[in-house]
Amino acid sequence: MSAREDRIEPTGYGDLLEQIKTQVRRARVQVARAVNTELIELYWQIGMSIRRRQAHEGWGTKVIARLADDLRTEFPQMRGLSQRNLVYMRTFAGAFPEPSAQHAVAQLPWGHVTVLLDRVPDTAARNWYAEQAVHHGWSRATLTHHISSRRHLRVGSAPNNFPATLAAHESDLAHSILQDPYNLDFLNLDSGHSERELEDALIGRLTHFLSELGAGFAFVGRQYKITTGERDYFLDLLFFHLGLRRFVVFELKVGQAEPEHIGKLNFYVNAVDDQLRRPEHGDGATIGILLAATRDDIVVEYALRGIGSPLAVSTYTTYGALPDDIRPSLPTADDLAHALRDVPRQ
């Protein structure tokens, strides 16, 4: 066979190559996950052994330093056997009395586990963050950010009419994409900002905003035009949620949420349902979220009652929302940038 004939691609060869590539990649991921799970389980076993021996023998903390030295002498090529890590292992075993393989945390890298141990003392909250990190594939930095912003307390807590307007399983899913308040401190807006300034800032930091919204949101447009009757209307922000398979309309208000704002949002949601939603493609009912600086929950409850569209009213926080007597004493992003430039390089 000539060299030229060797280069001729047989029928179906490309499909076979792609299939095998996919299989190899999938296997590599599975192997990496299996190795990680085994490592996490090993760390749990080491931590549990230390806890039991200390409890039985009454050993102090100094024994951990000696143990770390002896283990590194025996396994010089193995990382993770430092005194600090052994302390983490002991804490890990105390935080998860049952074998770690039974928890979502076993599927996380060890660095994620140490973040959970350092920053989340509550067991239920720790398990929630571990499950979310596994499900959404959060990086360590993303996990740390969500813990710092107390995401577990904000998800699903905004007033809404989902139970009355959506099927039970859809209502639960829709709750999972809600937050209250939304943490928009990264915008660094001045107090007294306008709605246009808020919108401009969100679009300018869209990546950060999408991270705050959570997984599944795809940006469709800002000031998205819809024509109803003989007039044009403009939606502040329009998204499509890939998991829920439905559009999500955000209406922005820098003041308190008012009944007329909810009525206007309901109008927008109905228009999107009629003009953009494709039920034949599996699109669900459009969701509307009014994002306001403040709200009166009783007023919101009355305003939502009787509305047939799934709506929610959330609030948001920004740097500008800090009390006036505190805010001037905090450095701005520019202040920090100038300070860092003045620090001598090591």
C-alpha atoms as a PDB file:
ATOM      1  CA  MET A   1       0.000   0.000   0.000  1.00  0.00           C
ATOM      2  CA  SER A   2       1.423   3.383  -0.967  1.00  0.00           C
ATOM      3  CA  ALA A   3       1.901   6.316   1.406  1.00  0.00           C
ATOM      4  CA  ARG A   4      -0.836   8.172  -0.499  1.00  0.00           C
ATOM      5  CA  GLU A   5      -3.292   5.319   0.086  1.00  0.00           C
ATOM      6  CA  ASP A   6      -2.409   5.353   3.832  1.00  0.00           C
ATOM      7  CA  ARG A   7      -3.584   8.980   4.025  1.00  0.00           C
ATOM      8  CA  ILE A   8      -6.975   8.279   2.428  1.00  0.00           C
ATOM      9  CA  GLU A   9      -9.636   8.384   5.139  1.00  0.00           C
ATOM     10  CA  PRO A  10     -12.001   5.388   5.027  1.00  0.00           C
ATOM     11  CA  THR A  11     -15.724   5.983   5.185  1.00  0.00           C
ATOM     12  CA  GLY A  12     -16.813   6.537   8.774  1.00  0.00           C
ATOM     13  CA  TYR A  13     -13.262   6.895  10.087  1.00  0.00           C
ATOM     14  CA  GLY A  14     -13.872  10.407  11.439  1.00  0.00           C
ATOM     15  CA  ASP A  15     -16.903   9.254  13.430  1.00  0.00           C
ATOM     16  CA  LEU A  16     -14.941   6.351  14.884  1.00  0.00           C
ATOM     17  CA  LEU A  17     -12.068   8.630  15.886  1.00  0.00           C
ATOM     18  CA  GLU A  18     -14.389  11.071  17.649  1.00  0.00           C
ATOM     19  CA  GLN A  19     -16.176   8.211  19.417  1.00  0.00           C
ATOM     20  CA  ILE A  20     -12.914   6.789  20.757  1.00  0.00           C
ATOM     21  CA  LYS A  21     -11.699  10.253  21.806  1.00  0.00           C
ATOM     22  CA  THR A  22     -14.909  10.744  23.785  1.00  0.00           C
ATOM     23  CA  GLN A  23     -14.532   7.335  25.419  1.00  0.00           C
ATOM     24  CA  VAL A  24     -10.925   8.044  26.408  1.00  0.00           C
ATOM     25  CA  ARG A  25     -11.789  11.457  27.848  1.00  0.00           C
ATOM     26  CA  ARG A  26     -14.719  10.009  29.800  1.00  0.00           C
ATOM     27  CA  ALA A  27     -12.560   7.209  31.166  1.00  0.00           C
ATOM     28  CA  ARG A  28      -9.829   9.648  32.215  1.00  0.00           C
ATOM     29  CA  VAL A  29     -12.357  11.755  34.098  1.00  0.00           C
ATOM     30  CA  GLN A  30     -13.784   8.688  35.812  1.00  0.00           C
ATOM     31  CA  VAL A  31     -10.315   7.488  36.795  1.00  0.00           C
ATOM     32  CA  ALA A  32      -9.429  10.930  38.179  1.00  0.00           C
ATOM     33  CA  ARG A  33     -12.651  11.000  40.205  1.00  0.00           C
ATOM     34  CA  ALA A  34     -12.034   7.495  41.520  1.00  0.00           C
ATOM     35  CA  VAL A  35      -8.473   8.397  42.566  1.00  0.00           C
ATOM     36  CA  ASN A  36      -9.721  11.560  44.278  1.00  0.00           C
ATOM     37  CA  THR A  37     -12.429   9.637  46.150  1.00  0.00           C
ATOM     38  CA  GLU A  38      -9.869   7.087  47.332  1.00  0.00           C
ATOM     39  CA  LEU A  39      -7.577   9.887  48.520  1.00  0.00           C
ATOM     40  CA  ILE A  40     -10.372  11.629  50.428  1.00  0.00           C
ATOM     41  CA  GLU A  41     -11.344   8.299  52.000  1.00  0.00           C
ATOM     42  CA  LEU A  42      -7.695   7.696  52.993  1.00  0.00           C
ATOM     43  CA  TYR A  43      -7.514  11.127  54.630  1.00  0.00           C
ATOM     44  CA  TRP A  44     -10.731  10.385  56.542  1.00  0.00           C
ATOM     45  CA  GLN A  45      -9.342   7.060  57.752  1.00  0.00           C
ATOM     46  CA  ILE A  46      -6.087   8.696  58.878  1.00  0.00           C
ATOM     47  CA  GLY A  47      -7.998  11.425  60.671  1.00  0.00           C
ATOM     48  CA  MET A  48     -10.276   8.920  62.382  1.00  0.00           C
ATOM     49  CA  SER A  49      -7.298   6.801  63.479  1.00  0.00           C
ATOM     50  CA  ILE A  50      -5.655   9.855  65.035  1.00  0.00           C
ATOM     51  CA  ARG A  51      -8.865  10.889  66.829  1.00  0.00           C
ATOM     52  CA  ARG A  52      -9.459   7.420  68.254  1.00  0.00           C
ATOM     53  CA  ARG A  53      -5.876   6.982  69.416  1.00  0.00           C
ATOM     54  CA  GLN A  54      -5.776  10.413  71.029  1.00  0.00           C
ATOM     55  CA  ALA A  55      -9.068   9.760  72.796  1.00  0.00           C
ATOM     56  CA  HIS A  56      -7.910   6.337  74.018  1.00  0.00           C
ATOM     57  CA  GLU A  57      -4.340   7.189  74.956  1.00  0.00           C
ATOM     58  CA  GLY A  58      -4.825  10.805  75.974  1.00  0.00           C
ATOM     59  CA  TRP A  59      -2.126  11.993  73.583  1.00  0.00           C
ATOM     60  CA  GLY A  60      -1.664  15.709  73.037  1.00  0.00           C
ATOM     61  CA  THR A  61      -1.254  17.601  69.770  1.00  0.00           C
ATOM     62  CA  LYS A  62       2.550  17.232  69.737  1.00  0.00           C
ATOM     63  CA  VAL A  63       2.209  13.639  68.609  1.00  0.00           C
ATOM     64  CA  ILE A  64       0.829  14.874  65.269  1.00  0.00           C
ATOM     65  CA  ALA A  65       4.082  16.725  64.506  1.00  0.00           C
ATOM     66  CA  ARG A  66       6.087  13.576  65.190  1.00  0.00           C
ATOM     67  CA  LEU A  67       3.663  11.502  63.153  1.00  0.00           C
ATOM     68  CA  ALA A  68       4.036  13.869  60.190  1.00  0.00           C
ATOM     69  CA  ASP A  69       7.855  13.585  60.308  1.00  0.00           C
ATOM     70  CA  ASP A  70       7.778   9.793  60.466  1.00  0.00           C
ATOM     71  CA  LEU A  71       5.230   9.475  57.653  1.00  0.00           C
ATOM     72  CA  ARG A  72       7.179  11.781  55.343  1.00  0.00           C
ATOM     73  CA  THR A  73      10.309   9.745  56.049  1.00  0.00           C
ATOM     74  CA  GLU A  74       8.474   6.545  55.123  1.00  0.00           C
ATOM     75  CA  PHE A  75       6.711   8.049  52.080  1.00  0.00           C
ATOM     76  CA  PRO A  76       9.021  10.807  50.794  1.00  0.00           C
ATOM     77  CA  GLN A  77       7.287  11.055  47.396  1.00  0.00           C
ATOM     78  CA  MET A  78       3.790  11.397  48.827  1.00  0.00           C
ATOM     79  CA  ARG A  79       2.391  14.889  49.281  1.00  0.00           C
ATOM     80  CA  GLY A  80      -0.223  15.824  51.851  1.00  0.00           C
ATOM     81  CA  LEU A  81       1.336  14.312  54.968  1.00  0.00           C
ATOM     82  CA  SER A  82       2.379  17.566  56.599  1.00  0.00           C
ATOM     83  CA  GLN A  83       1.496  18.356  60.200  1.00  0.00           C
ATOM     84  CA  ARG A  84      -1.049  20.951  59.022  1.00  0.00           C
ATOM     85  CA  ASN A  85      -2.748  18.438  56.741  1.00  0.00           C
ATOM     86  CA  LEU A  86      -2.871  15.797  59.468  1.00  0.00           C
ATOM     87  CA  VAL A  87      -4.660  18.313  61.682  1.00  0.00           C
ATOM     88  CA  TYR A  88      -7.129  18.919  58.850  1.00  0.00           C
ATOM     89  CA  MET A  89      -7.633  15.142  58.537  1.00  0.00           C
ATOM     90  CA  ARG A  90      -8.421  14.896  62.227  1.00  0.00           C
ATOM     91  CA  THR A  91     -10.904  17.773  61.912  1.00  0.00           C
ATOM     92  CA  PHE A  92     -12.346  16.188  58.768  1.00  0.00           C
ATOM     93  CA  ALA A  93     -13.043  12.908  60.578  1.00  0.00           C
ATOM     94  CA  GLY A  94     -14.728  14.811  63.396  1.00  0.00           C
ATOM     95  CA  ALA A  95     -16.919  16.770  60.977  1.00  0.00           C
ATOM     96  CA  PHE A  96     -17.996  13.593  59.146  1.00  0.00           C
ATOM     97  CA  PRO A  97     -18.313  10.761  61.706  1.00  0.00           C
ATOM     98  CA  GLU A  98     -19.567   8.401  59.000  1.00  0.00           C
ATOM     99  CA  PRO A  99     -17.148   7.283  56.234  1.00  0.00           C
ATOM    100  CA  SER A 100     -16.639  10.180  53.845  1.00  0.00           C
ATOM    101  CA  ALA A 101     -17.524   8.069  50.787  1.00  0.00           C
ATOM    102  CA  GLN A 102     -21.158   8.367  51.877  1.00  0.00           C
ATOM    103  CA  HIS A 103     -21.074  12.155  51.446  1.00  0.00           C
ATOM    104  CA  ALA A 104     -20.807  14.510  48.468  1.00  0.00           C
ATOM    105  CA  VAL A 105     -17.593  15.821  49.993  1.00  0.00           C
ATOM    106  CA  ALA A 106     -15.830  12.620  48.834  1.00  0.00           C
ATOM    107  CA  GLN A 107     -16.177  13.866  45.254  1.00  0.00           C
ATOM    108  CA  LEU A 108     -14.438  17.182  45.970  1.00  0.00           C
ATOM    109  CA  PRO A 109     -10.707  17.962  45.808  1.00  0.00           C
ATOM    110  CA  TRP A 110      -8.986  18.152  49.182  1.00  0.00           C
ATOM    111  CA  GLY A 111      -8.534  21.927  48.802  1.00  0.00           C
ATOM    112  CA  HIS A 112     -12.318  22.328  48.634  1.00  0.00           C
ATOM    113  CA  VAL A 113     -12.693  20.172  51.733  1.00  0.00           C
ATOM    114  CA  THR A 114     -10.310  22.343  53.749  1.00  0.00           C
ATOM    115  CA  VAL A 115     -12.289  25.456  52.704  1.00  0.00           C
ATOM    116  CA  LEU A 116     -15.479  23.836  54.002  1.00  0.00           C
ATOM    117  CA  LEU A 117     -13.783  22.856  57.273  1.00  0.00           C
ATOM    118  CA  ASP A 118     -12.352  26.358  57.780  1.00  0.00           C
ATOM    119  CA  ARG A 119     -15.378  28.418  56.801  1.00  0.00           C
ATOM    120  CA  VAL A 120     -18.579  26.426  57.401  1.00  0.00           C
ATOM    121  CA  PRO A 121     -19.045  25.214  60.999  1.00  0.00           C
ATOM    122  CA  ASP A 122     -22.703  24.212  60.559  1.00  0.00           C
ATOM    123  CA  THR A 123     -23.091  20.598  59.410  1.00  0.00           C
ATOM    124  CA  ALA A 124     -26.210  21.118  57.281  1.00  0.00           C
ATOM    125  CA  ALA A 125     -24.730  24.161  55.564  1.00  0.00           C
ATOM    126  CA  ARG A 126     -21.437  22.335  54.974  1.00  0.00           C
ATOM    127  CA  ASN A 127     -23.256  19.455  53.306  1.00  0.00           C
ATOM    128  CA  TRP A 128     -25.281  21.903  51.187  1.00  0.00           C
ATOM    129  CA  TYR A 129     -22.151  23.648  49.885  1.00  0.00           C
ATOM    130  CA  ALA A 130     -20.465  20.300  49.189  1.00  0.00           C
ATOM    131  CA  GLU A 131     -23.463  19.077  47.177  1.00  0.00           C
ATOM    132  CA  GLN A 132     -23.701  22.347  45.238  1.00  0.00           C
ATOM    133  CA  ALA A 133     -19.970  22.372  44.500  1.00  0.00           C
ATOM    134  CA  VAL A 134     -20.156  18.818  43.126  1.00  0.00           C
ATOM    135  CA  HIS A 135     -23.322  19.466  41.125  1.00  0.00           C
ATOM    136  CA  HIS A 136     -22.144  22.722  39.551  1.00  0.00           C
ATOM    137  CA  GLY A 137     -18.415  22.006  39.380  1.00  0.00           C
ATOM    138  CA  TRP A 138     -17.442  25.067  41.452  1.00  0.00           C
ATOM    139  CA  SER A 139     -13.776  25.990  41.616  1.00  0.00           C
ATOM    140  CA  ARG A 140     -12.252  26.595  45.045  1.00  0.00           C
ATOM    141  CA  ALA A 141     -12.445  30.370  44.490  1.00  0.00           C
ATOM    142  CA  THR A 142     -16.128  30.141  43.517  1.00  0.00           C
ATOM    143  CA  LEU A 143     -16.891  27.974  46.535  1.00  0.00           C
ATOM    144  CA  THR A 144     -15.125  30.462  48.805  1.00  0.00           C
ATOM    145  CA  HIS A 145     -17.059  33.369  47.286  1.00  0.00           C
ATOM    146  CA  HIS A 146     -20.435  31.685  47.749  1.00  0.00           C
ATOM    147  CA  ILE A 147     -19.625  30.801  51.352  1.00  0.00           C
ATOM    148  CA  SER A 148     -18.537  34.388  52.067  1.00  0.00           C
ATOM    149  CA  SER A 149     -21.804  35.717  50.625  1.00  0.00           C
ATOM    150  CA  ARG A 150     -23.836  33.161  52.661  1.00  0.00           C
ATOM    151  CA  ARG A 151     -25.472  31.780  49.558  1.00  0.00           C
ATOM    152  CA  HIS A 152     -27.173  28.931  51.423  1.00  0.00           C
ATOM    153  CA  LEU A 153     -29.317  31.468  53.290  1.00  0.00           C
ATOM    154  CA  ARG A 154     -30.207  33.443  50.157  1.00  0.00           C
ATOM    155  CA  VAL A 155     -31.266  30.738  47.719  1.00  0.00           C
ATOM    156  CA  GLY A 156     -35.031  30.374  47.345  1.00  0.00           C
ATOM    157  CA  SER A 157     -35.888  32.929  50.041  1.00  0.00           C
ATOM    158  CA  ALA A 158     -37.400  35.713  47.892  1.00  0.00           C
ATOM    159  CA  PRO A 159     -41.198  36.217  48.084  1.00  0.00           C
ATOM    160  CA  ASN A 160     -42.846  34.597  45.062  1.00  0.00           C
ATOM    161  CA  ASN A 161     -46.020  32.996  43.774  1.00  0.00           C
ATOM    162  CA  PHE A 162     -44.353  29.892  42.322  1.00  0.00           C
ATOM    163  CA  PRO A 163     -46.406  27.352  44.329  1.00  0.00           C
ATOM    164  CA  ALA A 164     -49.625  28.867  42.939  1.00  0.00           C
ATOM    165  CA  THR A 165     -48.442  29.235  39.329  1.00  0.00           C
ATOM    166  CA  LEU A 166     -46.178  26.238  38.705  1.00  0.00           C
ATOM    167  CA  ALA A 167     -46.429  22.485  39.141  1.00  0.00           C
ATOM    168  CA  ALA A 168     -44.847  21.223  42.361  1.00  0.00           C
ATOM    169  CA  HIS A 169     -41.634  19.908  40.778  1.00  0.00           C
ATOM    170  CA  GLU A 170     -41.293  23.051  38.627  1.00  0.00           C
ATOM    171  CA  SER A 171     -41.849  25.263  41.663  1.00  0.00           C
ATOM    172  CA  ASP A 172     -39.020  23.518  43.536  1.00  0.00           C
ATOM    173  CA  LEU A 173     -36.661  23.967  40.568  1.00  0.00           C
ATOM    174  CA  ALA A 174     -37.648  27.613  40.139  1.00  0.00           C
ATOM    175  CA  HIS A 175     -36.984  28.249  43.837  1.00  0.00           C
ATOM    176  CA  SER A 176     -33.467  26.928  43.345  1.00  0.00           C
ATOM    177  CA  ILE A 177     -32.558  29.787  40.968  1.00  0.00           C
ATOM    178  CA  LEU A 178     -33.847  32.533  43.296  1.00  0.00           C
ATOM    179  CA  GLN A 179     -31.766  34.474  45.786  1.00  0.00           C
ATOM    180  CA  ASP A 180     -32.503  37.177  48.310  1.00  0.00           C
ATOM    181  CA  PRO A 181     -30.629  39.385  48.468  1.00  0.00           C
ATOM    182  CA  TYR A 182     -28.460  39.200  45.355  1.00  0.00           C
ATOM    183  CA  ASN A 183     -24.911  40.153  46.284  1.00  0.00           C
ATOM    184  CA  LEU A 184     -23.861  42.875  43.818  1.00  0.00           C
ATOM    185  CA  ASP A 185     -21.060  44.333  45.941  1.00  0.00           C
ATOM    186  CA  PHE A 186     -18.639  43.692  43.072  1.00  0.00           C
ATOM    187  CA  LEU A 187     -20.269  46.580  41.161  1.00  0.00           C
ATOM    188  CA  ASN A 188     -18.918  49.143  43.667  1.00  0.00           C
ATOM    189  CA  LEU A 189     -21.770  51.559  42.881  1.00  0.00           C
ATOM    190  CA  ASP A 190     -22.179  54.874  44.643  1.00  0.00           C
ATOM    191  CA  SER A 191     -25.258  55.451  46.765  1.00  0.00           C
ATOM    192  CA  GLY A 192     -27.917  57.212  44.750  1.00  0.00           C
ATOM    193  CA  HIS A 193     -27.107  55.259  41.570  1.00  0.00           C
ATOM    194  CA  SER A 194     -29.754  55.235  38.871  1.00  0.00           C
ATOM    195  CA  GLU A 195     -31.402  52.210  37.311  1.00  0.00           C
ATOM    196  CA  ARG A 196     -29.462  52.799  34.090  1.00  0.00           C
ATOM    197  CA  GLU A 197     -26.181  52.933  36.049  1.00  0.00           C
ATOM    198  CA  LEU A 198     -27.125  49.683  37.792  1.00  0.00           C
ATOM    199  CA  GLU A 199     -27.916  48.062  34.441  1.00  0.00           C
ATOM    200  CA  ASP A 200     -24.714  49.388  32.839  1.00  0.00           C
ATOM    201  CA  ALA A 201     -22.660  48.078  35.756  1.00  0.00           C
ATOM    202  CA  LEU A 202     -24.270  44.636  35.603  1.00  0.00           C
ATOM    203  CA  ILE A 203     -23.586  44.333  31.882  1.00  0.00           C
ATOM    204  CA  GLY A 204     -20.040  45.646  32.343  1.00  0.00           C
ATOM    205  CA  ARG A 205     -19.420  42.900  34.920  1.00  0.00           C
ATOM    206  CA  LEU A 206     -21.626  40.294  33.262  1.00  0.00           C
ATOM    207  CA  THR A 207     -19.317  37.399  34.114  1.00  0.00           C
ATOM    208  CA  HIS A 208     -19.506  38.267  37.803  1.00  0.00           C
ATOM    209  CA  PHE A 209     -23.266  38.720  37.609  1.00  0.00           C
ATOM    210  CA  LEU A 210     -23.736  35.337  35.938  1.00  0.00           C
ATOM    211  CA  SER A 211     -21.633  33.769  38.690  1.00  0.00           C
ATOM    212  CA  GLU A 212     -23.863  35.390  41.299  1.00  0.00           C
ATOM    213  CA  LEU A 213     -27.022  34.218  39.502  1.00  0.00           C
ATOM    214  CA  GLY A 214     -25.797  30.633  39.531  1.00  0.00           C
ATOM    215  CA  ALA A 215     -25.374  27.878  36.968  1.00  0.00           C
ATOM    216  CA  GLY A 216     -27.640  27.606  33.948  1.00  0.00           C
ATOM    217  CA  PHE A 217     -28.271  31.259  33.077  1.00  0.00           C
ATOM    218  CA  ALA A 218     -27.606  32.275  29.465  1.00  0.00           C
ATOM    219  CA  PHE A 219     -27.683  36.005  28.681  1.00  0.00           C
ATOM    220  CA  VAL A 220     -30.121  36.964  25.904  1.00  0.00           C
ATOM    221  CA  GLY A 221     -29.987  40.763  25.957  1.00  0.00           C
ATOM    222  CA  ARG A 222     -30.395  44.086  27.736  1.00  0.00           C
ATOM    223  CA  GLN A 223     -33.140  46.569  26.916  1.00  0.00           C
ATOM    224  CA  TYR A 224     -34.588  43.731  24.859  1.00  0.00           C
ATOM    225  CA  LYS A 225     -37.311  45.148  22.595  1.00  0.00           C
ATOM    226  CA  ILE A 226     -40.735  43.605  22.400  1.00  0.00           C
ATOM    227  CA  THR A 227     -43.564  45.165  20.425  1.00  0.00           C
ATOM    228  CA  THR A 228     -47.091  44.914  21.771  1.00  0.00           C
ATOM    229  CA  GLY A 229     -49.943  46.642  20.020  1.00  0.00           C
ATOM    230  CA  GLU A 230     -48.515  49.797  18.511  1.00  0.00           C
ATOM    231  CA  ARG A 231     -45.808  50.383  21.126  1.00  0.00           C
ATOM    232  CA  ASP A 232     -42.291  49.159  21.776  1.00  0.00           C
ATOM    233  CA  TYR A 233     -41.291  48.071  25.265  1.00  0.00           C
ATOM    234  CA  PHE A 234     -37.801  47.297  26.545  1.00  0.00           C
ATOM    235  CA  LEU A 235     -36.956  44.606  29.071  1.00  0.00           C
ATOM    236  CA  ASP A 236     -34.084  45.550  31.392  1.00  0.00           C
ATOM    237  CA  LEU A 237     -32.397  42.124  31.276  1.00  0.00           C
ATOM    238  CA  LEU A 238     -33.504  38.916  29.572  1.00  0.00           C
ATOM    239  CA  PHE A 239     -31.972  35.497  30.275  1.00  0.00           C
ATOM    240  CA  PHE A 240     -32.753  31.916  29.340  1.00  0.00           C
ATOM    241  CA  HIS A 241     -32.214  29.251  31.986  1.00  0.00           C
ATOM    242  CA  LEU A 242     -30.895  26.097  30.374  1.00  0.00           C
ATOM    243  CA  GLY A 243     -31.841  23.790  33.233  1.00  0.00           C
ATOM    244  CA  LEU A 244     -35.384  25.077  33.609  1.00  0.00           C
ATOM    245  CA  ARG A 245     -35.828  25.533  29.836  1.00  0.00           C
ATOM    246  CA  ARG A 246     -37.537  28.908  30.228  1.00  0.00           C
ATOM    247  CA  PHE A 247     -36.931  32.634  29.837  1.00  0.00           C
ATOM    248  CA  VAL A 248     -36.223  34.743  32.929  1.00  0.00           C
ATOM    249  CA  VAL A 249     -37.014  38.476  32.845  1.00  0.00           C
ATOM    250  CA  PHE A 250     -35.232  40.802  35.300  1.00  0.00           C
ATOM    251  CA  GLU A 251     -36.779  44.206  35.994  1.00  0.00           C
ATOM    252  CA  LEU A 252     -34.415  46.527  37.919  1.00  0.00           C
ATOM    253  CA  LYS A 253     -35.537  49.111  40.474  1.00  0.00           C
ATOM    254  CA  VAL A 254     -33.171  51.154  42.646  1.00  0.00           C
ATOM    255  CA  GLY A 255     -35.903  52.046  45.147  1.00  0.00           C
ATOM    256  CA  GLN A 256     -38.560  50.054  46.947  1.00  0.00           C
ATOM    257  CA  ALA A 257     -40.588  47.441  45.077  1.00  0.00           C
ATOM    258  CA  GLU A 258     -44.053  48.832  44.362  1.00  0.00           C
ATOM    259  CA  PRO A 259     -47.265  47.078  43.222  1.00  0.00           C
ATOM    260  CA  GLU A 260     -47.126  48.830  39.850  1.00  0.00           C
ATOM    261  CA  HIS A 261     -43.614  47.431  39.275  1.00  0.00           C
ATOM    262  CA  ILE A 262     -44.963  43.907  39.764  1.00  0.00           C
ATOM    263  CA  GLY A 263     -47.836  44.620  37.389  1.00  0.00           C
ATOM    264  CA  LYS A 264     -45.431  45.871  34.731  1.00  0.00           C
ATOM    265  CA  LEU A 265     -43.227  42.807  35.174  1.00  0.00           C
ATOM    266  CA  ASN A 266     -46.277  40.575  34.757  1.00  0.00           C
ATOM    267  CA  PHE A 267     -47.016  42.381  31.485  1.00  0.00           C
ATOM    268  CA  TYR A 268     -43.453  41.734  30.264  1.00  0.00           C
ATOM    269  CA  VAL A 269     -43.633  38.058  31.225  1.00  0.00           C
ATOM    270  CA  ASN A 270     -46.894  37.608  29.333  1.00  0.00           C
ATOM    271  CA  ALA A 271     -45.414  39.290  26.256  1.00  0.00           C
ATOM    272  CA  VAL A 272     -42.310  37.063  26.333  1.00  0.00           C
ATOM    273  CA  ASP A 273     -44.520  34.008  26.727  1.00  0.00           C
ATOM    274  CA  ASP A 274     -46.507  34.958  23.641  1.00  0.00           C
ATOM    275  CA  GLN A 275     -43.690  36.201  21.428  1.00  0.00           C
ATOM    276  CA  LEU A 276     -40.530  34.277  22.388  1.00  0.00           C
ATOM    277  CA  ARG A 277     -41.505  31.125  24.217  1.00  0.00           C
ATOM    278  CA  ARG A 278     -41.583  27.944  22.119  1.00  0.00           C
ATOM    279  CA  PRO A 279     -43.676  25.290  23.928  1.00  0.00           C
ATOM    280  CA  GLU A 280     -43.134  22.891  21.039  1.00  0.00           C
ATOM    281  CA  HIS A 281     -39.407  22.990  21.879  1.00  0.00           C
ATOM    282  CA  GLY A 282     -40.071  22.271  25.550  1.00  0.00           C
ATOM    283  CA  ASP A 283     -39.929  25.876  26.827  1.00  0.00           C
ATOM    284  CA  GLY A 284     -41.680  26.346  30.172  1.00  0.00           C
ATOM    285  CA  ALA A 285     -43.572  29.386  31.392  1.00  0.00           C
ATOM    286  CA  THR A 286     -41.464  32.541  31.597  1.00  0.00           C
ATOM    287  CA  ILE A 287     -40.351  33.641  35.072  1.00  0.00           C
ATOM    288  CA  GLY A 288     -40.171  37.297  36.133  1.00  0.00           C
ATOM    289  CA  ILE A 289     -37.871  38.582  38.886  1.00  0.00           C
ATOM    290  CA  LEU A 290     -38.199  42.123  40.171  1.00  0.00           C
ATOM    291  CA  LEU A 291     -34.800  43.125  41.560  1.00  0.00           C
ATOM    292  CA  ALA A 292     -35.267  46.110  43.877  1.00  0.00           C
ATOM    293  CA  ALA A 293     -33.199  47.838  46.539  1.00  0.00           C
ATOM    294  CA  THR A 294     -35.855  47.267  49.231  1.00  0.00           C
ATOM    295  CA  ARG A 295     -39.332  45.817  49.622  1.00  0.00           C
ATOM    296  CA  ASP A 296     -42.242  45.580  52.024  1.00  0.00           C
ATOM    297  CA  ASP A 297     -43.137  41.899  52.225  1.00  0.00           C
ATOM    298  CA  ILE A 298     -46.806  42.557  53.027  1.00  0.00           C
ATOM    299  CA  VAL A 299     -47.179  44.851  50.009  1.00  0.00           C
ATOM    300  CA  VAL A 300     -45.430  42.265  47.831  1.00  0.00           C
ATOM    301  CA  GLU A 301     -47.718  39.493  49.095  1.00  0.00           C
ATOM    302  CA  TYR A 302     -50.827  41.475  48.132  1.00  0.00           C
ATOM    303  CA  ALA A 303     -49.360  42.471  44.766  1.00  0.00           C
ATOM    304  CA  LEU A 304     -48.503  38.875  43.832  1.00  0.00           C
ATOM    305  CA  ARG A 305     -51.852  37.440  44.916  1.00  0.00           C
ATOM    306  CA  GLY A 306     -54.049  36.462  41.986  1.00  0.00           C
ATOM    307  CA  ILE A 307     -51.338  36.864  39.317  1.00  0.00           C
ATOM    308  CA  GLY A 308     -51.122  33.867  36.992  1.00  0.00           C
ATOM    309  CA  SER A 309     -47.500  34.322  35.910  1.00  0.00           C
ATOM    310  CA  PRO A 310     -44.603  32.995  38.048  1.00  0.00           C
ATOM    311  CA  LEU A 311     -43.059  36.113  39.621  1.00  0.00           C
ATOM    312  CA  ALA A 312     -40.647  36.808  42.460  1.00  0.00           C
ATOM    313  CA  VAL A 313     -39.373  39.950  44.192  1.00  0.00           C
ATOM    314  CA  SER A 314     -35.744  39.966  45.335  1.00  0.00           C
ATOM    315  CA  THR A 315     -33.505  42.642  46.771  1.00  0.00           C
ATOM    316  CA  TYR A 316     -29.840  43.326  46.170  1.00  0.00           C
ATOM    317  CA  THR A 317     -26.873  44.646  48.095  1.00  0.00           C
ATOM    318  CA  THR A 318     -24.077  46.866  46.790  1.00  0.00           C
ATOM    319  CA  TYR A 319     -21.096  48.648  48.258  1.00  0.00           C
ATOM    320  CA  GLY A 320     -23.194  51.814  48.066  1.00  0.00           C
ATOM    321  CA  ALA A 321     -25.775  50.273  50.379  1.00  0.00           C
ATOM    322  CA  LEU A 322     -23.412  50.492  53.364  1.00  0.00           C
ATOM    323  CA  PRO A 323     -24.267  53.064  56.067  1.00  0.00           C
ATOM    324  CA  ASP A 324     -22.985  56.567  55.291  1.00  0.00           C
ATOM    325  CA  ASP A 325     -20.940  56.693  58.501  1.00  0.00           C
ATOM    326  CA  ILE A 326     -19.070  53.481  57.587  1.00  0.00           C
ATOM    327  CA  ARG A 327     -18.647  53.712  53.830  1.00  0.00           C
ATOM    328  CA  PRO A 328     -16.118  56.628  53.725  1.00  0.00           C
ATOM    329  CA  SER A 329     -13.751  54.716  56.011  1.00  0.00           C
ATOM    330  CA  LEU A 330     -13.495  51.739  53.629  1.00  0.00           C
ATOM    331  CA  PRO A 331     -10.996  51.719  50.743  1.00  0.00           C
ATOM    332  CA  THR A 332     -12.296  51.742  47.182  1.00  0.00           C
ATOM    333  CA  ALA A 333     -10.966  49.493  44.431  1.00  0.00           C
ATOM    334  CA  ASP A 334      -8.805  52.409  43.182  1.00  0.00           C
ATOM    335  CA  ASP A 335      -7.400  52.956  46.686  1.00  0.00           C
ATOM    336  CA  LEU A 336      -6.387  49.307  46.905  1.00  0.00           C
ATOM    337  CA  ALA A 337      -4.868  49.362  43.425  1.00  0.00           C
ATOM    338  CA  HIS A 338      -2.725  52.412  44.295  1.00  0.00           C
ATOM    339  CA  ALA A 339      -1.682  50.826  47.586  1.00  0.00           C
ATOM    340  CA  LEU A 340      -0.602  47.610  45.864  1.00  0.00           C
ATOM    341  CA  ARG A 341       1.453  49.545  43.310  1.00  0.00           C
ATOM    342  CA  ASP A 342       3.342  51.175  46.168  1.00  0.00           C
ATOM    343  CA  VAL A 343       4.299  47.859  47.782  1.00  0.00           C
ATOM    344  CA  PRO A 344       7.905  46.911  46.895  1.00  0.00           C
ATOM    345  CA  ARG A 345       8.223  43.710  44.881  1.00  0.00           C
ATOM    346  CA  GLN A 346       9.938  40.889  46.781  1.00  0.00           C
END
